[in-house]
């Protein structure tokens, strides 16, 4: 089992930068009980982008989801970061973020290749 992950192989802490339709659906799926749900729900840190959807998720899953003060706080707090902003916002958002060496970063941005995150 990799460091920073549970018995399901999920990271212990997942950060989401950009809380829109796709990102919030992913977090809702991770945090909702049911068939195929993880044994242990990870801690989720949401960016303040998409404040209304972030507040809905934090209210729906208060023991698992919290909202960070900034995108960088999301990155600093998470074992794995999901990037889910619009393609036209990606360059601006990613340019200001400092990821840790070896930190897992996944893109949910259509048209943004993972090599652009390196």
Protein backbone atom coordinates (compact mmCIF):
# COMPACT_ATOMS: atom_id res chain seq x y z
CA UNK A 1 0.00 0.00 0.00
CA UNK A 2 1.58 3.34 -1.03
CA UNK A 3 2.30 5.94 1.64
CA UNK A 4 -0.59 8.35 2.03
CA UNK A 5 -3.21 5.81 0.90
CA UNK A 6 -5.71 3.47 2.53
CA UNK A 7 -6.52 -0.21 2.00
CA UNK A 8 -8.58 0.67 -1.10
CA UNK A 9 -5.52 2.37 -2.57
CA UNK A 10 -7.21 5.78 -2.36
CA UNK A 11 -5.20 8.71 -1.06
CA UNK A 12 -5.98 9.60 2.55
CA UNK A 13 -6.52 13.22 1.55
CA UNK A 14 -7.85 14.37 -1.82
CA UNK A 15 -7.79 18.00 -2.87
CA UNK A 16 -10.04 19.46 -5.55
CA UNK A 17 -9.08 22.65 -7.37
CA UNK A 18 -12.17 23.92 -9.18
CA UNK A 19 -15.46 22.83 -7.69
CA UNK A 20 -17.72 22.79 -10.73
CA UNK A 21 -20.07 20.19 -12.14
CA UNK A 22 -17.48 17.48 -12.89
CA UNK A 23 -15.36 17.95 -9.78
CA UNK A 24 -18.32 18.03 -7.44
CA UNK A 25 -19.77 14.88 -9.06
CA UNK A 26 -16.49 13.04 -8.45
CA UNK A 27 -16.39 14.10 -4.79
CA UNK A 28 -20.07 13.25 -4.28
CA UNK A 29 -19.38 9.79 -5.73
CA UNK A 30 -16.37 9.23 -3.46
CA UNK A 31 -18.21 10.32 -0.34
CA UNK A 32 -21.56 8.60 -0.95
CA UNK A 33 -22.23 5.14 0.50
CA UNK A 34 -23.33 2.32 -1.75
CA UNK A 35 -22.04 -0.50 -3.93
CA UNK A 36 -18.47 0.15 -4.99
CA UNK A 37 -17.97 2.87 -2.38
CA UNK A 38 -14.54 2.97 -0.74
CA UNK A 39 -14.17 1.20 2.59
CA UNK A 40 -12.87 4.40 4.15
CA UNK A 41 -13.96 7.74 2.73
CA UNK A 42 -10.95 10.00 2.20
CA UNK A 43 -10.65 13.46 3.69
CA UNK A 44 -11.50 15.99 0.96
CA UNK A 45 -10.23 19.57 0.76
CA UNK A 46 -12.07 21.81 -1.70
CA UNK A 47 -10.83 25.00 -3.29
CA UNK A 48 -12.88 28.15 -2.83
CA UNK A 49 -13.51 28.21 -6.62
CA UNK A 50 -17.15 27.33 -7.11
CA UNK A 51 -18.14 28.52 -3.65
CA UNK A 52 -21.81 27.50 -3.88
CA UNK A 53 -21.04 23.90 -4.92
CA UNK A 54 -18.21 23.70 -2.38
CA UNK A 55 -20.61 24.79 0.38
CA UNK A 56 -23.18 22.18 -0.75
CA UNK A 57 -20.58 19.40 -0.58
CA UNK A 58 -19.28 20.54 2.82
CA UNK A 59 -22.87 20.57 4.14
CA UNK A 60 -23.68 17.16 2.64
CA UNK A 61 -20.50 15.48 3.95
CA UNK A 62 -19.41 17.53 6.98
CA UNK A 63 -17.23 14.82 8.52
CA UNK A 64 -15.21 14.37 5.30
CA UNK A 65 -15.26 17.62 3.31
CA UNK A 66 -13.81 21.02 4.15
CA UNK A 67 -13.18 24.18 2.14
CA UNK A 68 -9.68 25.67 1.96
CA UNK A 69 -8.97 29.38 1.93
CA UNK A 70 -7.00 29.14 -1.33
CA UNK A 71 -6.03 26.80 -4.15
CA UNK A 72 -2.50 26.60 -2.74
CA UNK A 73 -3.89 25.48 0.62
CA UNK A 74 -5.65 22.64 -1.23
CA UNK A 75 -2.35 21.57 -2.81
CA UNK A 76 -0.46 21.88 0.48
CA UNK A 77 -3.03 19.78 2.36
CA UNK A 78 -3.63 16.94 -0.10
CA UNK A 79 -1.87 13.68 -0.95
CA UNK A 80 -3.54 13.80 -4.37
CA UNK A 81 -4.89 16.86 -6.20
CA UNK A 82 -7.67 16.76 -8.78
CA UNK A 83 -7.66 19.74 -11.13
CA UNK A 84 -11.14 20.44 -12.48
CA UNK A 85 -11.22 23.95 -13.87
CA UNK A 86 -12.31 25.07 -17.32
CA UNK A 87 -9.64 24.68 -20.01
CA UNK A 88 -9.50 28.45 -20.53
CA UNK A 89 -8.73 28.91 -16.79
CA UNK A 90 -6.21 26.08 -16.45
CA UNK A 91 -3.03 27.96 -17.37
CA UNK A 92 -3.77 30.84 -14.99
CA UNK A 93 -4.74 28.57 -12.10
CA UNK A 94 -1.91 26.06 -12.50
CA UNK A 95 0.77 28.71 -13.01
CA UNK A 96 0.36 29.95 -9.44
CA UNK A 97 0.39 26.52 -7.75
CA UNK A 98 3.46 24.84 -6.26
CA UNK A 99 3.12 21.05 -6.12
CA UNK A 100 5.34 18.83 -3.96
CA UNK A 101 7.81 16.41 -5.50
CA UNK A 102 6.02 13.10 -5.99
CA UNK A 103 2.56 14.54 -5.28
CA UNK A 104 -0.15 12.88 -7.35
CA UNK A 105 -1.96 15.33 -9.62
CA UNK A 106 -4.85 14.31 -11.87
CA UNK A 107 -6.49 16.49 -14.47
CA UNK A 108 -10.20 16.42 -15.19
CA UNK A 109 -9.75 19.30 -17.64
CA UNK A 110 -10.80 18.37 -21.18
CA UNK A 111 -7.89 18.98 -23.55
CA UNK A 112 -5.24 19.42 -20.83
CA UNK A 113 -2.63 16.72 -21.16
CA UNK A 114 -1.05 15.41 -17.93
CA UNK A 115 2.41 16.32 -19.24
CA UNK A 116 1.39 20.01 -18.94
CA UNK A 117 1.14 19.49 -15.18
CA UNK A 118 4.82 18.55 -14.84
